[in-house]
C-alpha atoms as a PDB file:
ATOM      1  CA  MET A   1    -103.122 -12.529  26.288  1.00  0.00           C
ATOM      2  CA  GLU A   2    -106.691 -11.302  26.909  1.00  0.00           C
ATOM      3  CA  GLY A   3    -106.769  -8.302  29.419  1.00  0.00           C
ATOM      4  CA  GLU A   4    -103.237  -7.322  29.274  1.00  0.00           C
ATOM      5  CA  ASN A   5    -102.943  -3.752  30.330  1.00  0.00           C
ATOM      6  CA  PHE A   6     -99.209  -3.416  29.193  1.00  0.00           C
ATOM      7  CA  LEU A   7     -96.731  -3.843  26.395  1.00  0.00           C
ATOM      8  CA  GLU A   8     -93.717  -6.019  26.113  1.00  0.00           C
ATOM      9  CA  ILE A   9     -90.930  -4.928  24.117  1.00  0.00           C
ATOM     10  CA  GLU A  10     -87.346  -5.735  23.663  1.00  0.00           C
ATOM     11  CA  GLY A  11     -85.052  -4.411  26.321  1.00  0.00           C
ATOM     12  CA  THR A  12     -81.529  -2.803  26.300  1.00  0.00           C
ATOM     13  CA  ARG A  13     -79.431  -5.762  26.903  1.00  0.00           C
ATOM     14  CA  ILE A  14     -79.782  -8.857  24.594  1.00  0.00           C
ATOM     15  CA  GLY A  15     -82.891 -11.021  25.597  1.00  0.00           C
ATOM     16  CA  SER A  16     -83.952  -8.595  28.187  1.00  0.00           C
ATOM     17  CA  LYS A  17     -87.484  -7.319  28.135  1.00  0.00           C
ATOM     18  CA  ASN A  18     -89.136  -4.153  29.071  1.00  0.00           C
ATOM     19  CA  TYR A  19     -92.665  -3.442  29.892  1.00  0.00           C
ATOM     20  CA  ILE A  20     -94.873  -0.622  29.402  1.00  0.00           C
ATOM     21  CA  CYS A  21     -97.871   0.622  31.108  1.00  0.00           C
ATOM     22  CA  ASP A  22     -99.376   4.068  31.710  1.00  0.00           C
ATOM     23  CA  ASP A  23     -95.924   5.727  30.013  1.00  0.00           C
ATOM     24  CA  PHE A  24     -94.000   4.200  32.530  1.00  0.00           C
ATOM     25  CA  LEU A  25     -90.936   1.512  31.660  1.00  0.00           C
ATOM     26  CA  TYR A  26     -90.423  -1.332  33.699  1.00  0.00           C
ATOM     27  CA  MET A  27     -87.606  -3.935  33.597  1.00  0.00           C
ATOM     28  CA  GLN A  28     -88.059  -7.610  35.035  1.00  0.00           C
ATOM     29  CA  ASN A  29     -86.286  -8.536  38.283  1.00  0.00           C
ATOM     30  CA  LYS A  30     -87.561 -12.144  38.651  1.00  0.00           C
ATOM     31  CA  GLU A  31     -89.941 -14.550  37.702  1.00  0.00           C
ATOM     32  CA  ASN A  32     -91.754 -16.934  40.510  1.00  0.00           C
ATOM     33  CA  ASN A  33     -94.428 -19.179  40.294  1.00  0.00           C
ATOM     34  CA  GLY A  34     -95.983 -17.742  37.104  1.00  0.00           C
ATOM     35  CA  GLN A  35     -95.573 -13.996  38.419  1.00  0.00           C
ATOM     36  CA  ILE A  36     -93.252 -11.643  36.897  1.00  0.00           C
ATOM     37  CA  TYR A  37     -91.593  -9.019  39.192  1.00  0.00           C
ATOM     38  CA  LEU A  38     -90.656  -5.513  37.892  1.00  0.00           C
ATOM     39  CA  SER A  39     -89.159  -2.539  38.632  1.00  0.00           C
ATOM     40  CA  CYS A  40     -88.711   0.942  37.219  1.00  0.00           C
ATOM     41  CA  VAL A  41     -85.842   1.539  34.739  1.00  0.00           C
ATOM     42  CA  LYS A  42     -85.070   4.578  36.470  1.00  0.00           C
ATOM     43  CA  LYS A  43     -84.240   2.378  39.756  1.00  0.00           C
ATOM     44  CA  SER A  44     -80.399   2.889  39.038  1.00  0.00           C
ATOM     45  CA  SER A  45     -80.631   6.812  38.339  1.00  0.00           C
ATOM     46  CA  LYS A  46     -77.719   8.287  40.281  1.00  0.00           C
ATOM     47  CA  THR A  47     -79.896  11.582  40.852  1.00  0.00           C
ATOM     48  CA  ASN A  48     -83.430  10.407  41.585  1.00  0.00           C
ATOM     49  CA  PRO A  49     -83.623   6.650  41.770  1.00  0.00           C
ATOM     50  CA  CYS A  50     -87.254   5.440  41.348  1.00  0.00           C
ATOM     51  CA  PRO A  51     -88.763   3.221  43.835  1.00  0.00           C
ATOM     52  CA  ALA A  52     -91.467   1.722  41.931  1.00  0.00           C
ATOM     53  CA  THR A  53     -92.423  -2.033  41.654  1.00  0.00           C
ATOM     54  CA  ALA A  54     -95.015  -3.956  40.004  1.00  0.00           C
ATOM     55  CA  VAL A  55     -95.976  -7.378  39.252  1.00  0.00           C
ATOM     56  CA  ILE A  56     -97.386  -9.267  36.461  1.00  0.00           C
ATOM     57  CA  LYS A  57     -99.918 -11.977  37.543  1.00  0.00           C
ATOM     58  CA  ASP A  58    -102.535 -13.470  35.183  1.00  0.00           C
ATOM     59  CA  GLY A  59    -101.733 -11.147  32.531  1.00  0.00           C
ATOM     60  CA  ILE A  60    -102.367  -8.083  34.275  1.00  0.00           C
ATOM     61  CA  LEU A  61     -99.702  -5.562  35.502  1.00  0.00           C
ATOM     62  CA  SER A  62    -100.313  -4.363  39.003  1.00  0.00           C
ATOM     63  CA  VAL A  63     -98.312  -1.342  40.602  1.00  0.00           C
ATOM     64  CA  ILE A  64     -96.900  -2.185  44.109  1.00  0.00           C
ATOM     65  CA  LEU A  65     -94.825   1.007  45.073  1.00  0.00           C
ATOM     66  CA  ASP A  66     -95.576   4.228  42.771  1.00  0.00           C
ATOM     67  CA  HIS A  67     -93.004   6.107  40.839  1.00  0.00           C
ATOM     68  CA  ASN A  68     -91.541   9.401  42.025  1.00  0.00           C
ATOM     69  CA  HIS A  69     -91.482  10.944  38.629  1.00  0.00           C
ATOM     70  CA  ILE A  70     -94.066  11.488  35.635  1.00  0.00           C
ATOM     71  CA  GLY A  71     -94.434   8.970  32.873  1.00  0.00           C
ATOM     72  CA  ASP A  72     -92.259   9.688  29.949  1.00  0.00           C
ATOM     73  CA  ASN A  73     -94.261   9.188  26.627  1.00  0.00           C
ATOM     74  CA  PHE A  74     -91.412  10.374  24.278  1.00  0.00           C
ATOM     75  CA  GLU A  75     -89.173   7.640  25.768  1.00  0.00           C
ATOM     76  CA  VAL A  76     -92.072   5.047  25.587  1.00  0.00           C
ATOM     77  CA  VAL A  77     -92.346   6.009  21.867  1.00  0.00           C
ATOM     78  CA  LYS A  78     -88.811   5.843  20.881  1.00  0.00           C
ATOM     79  CA  LYS A  79     -88.364   2.401  22.564  1.00  0.00           C
ATOM     80  CA  VAL A  80     -91.533   0.985  20.763  1.00  0.00           C
ATOM     81  CA  MET A  81     -90.124   2.393  17.510  1.00  0.00           C
ATOM     82  CA  LEU A  82     -86.640   0.957  18.254  1.00  0.00           C
ATOM     83  CA  THR A  83     -88.248  -2.474  18.774  1.00  0.00           C
ATOM     84  CA  GLU A  84     -90.412  -2.103  15.664  1.00  0.00           C
ATOM     85  CA  MET A  85     -87.320  -1.142  13.441  1.00  0.00           C
ATOM     86  CA  LYS A  86     -85.587  -4.123  14.706  1.00  0.00           C
ATOM     87  CA  LEU A  87     -88.240  -6.369  13.825  1.00  0.00           C
ATOM     88  CA  ILE A  88     -88.338  -5.149  10.380  1.00  0.00           C
ATOM     89  CA  VAL A  89     -84.617  -5.486   9.792  1.00  0.00           C
ATOM     90  CA  GLN A  90     -84.831  -8.902  11.202  1.00  0.00           C
ATOM     91  CA  ASN A  91     -87.382  -9.817   8.464  1.00  0.00           C
END
């Protein structure tokens, strides 16, 4: 979709999706009226849960609450590479 500022990749669980924007990973909470509501994948961290939330509307990811940690480029690259390898194996 034109104007997208994020990348959609396969999530950890079968059929789930993760979204990448600015070196942060998000998971989908719900979808309602064409909007996708997201939360940081570190939301469930026992040591430092992240309160970040975002919404995707009209192909644009907008952060609602900011993260309490820095972006993790290594984790993002790792997730993208795993998704690409899975696609290669499937084809």
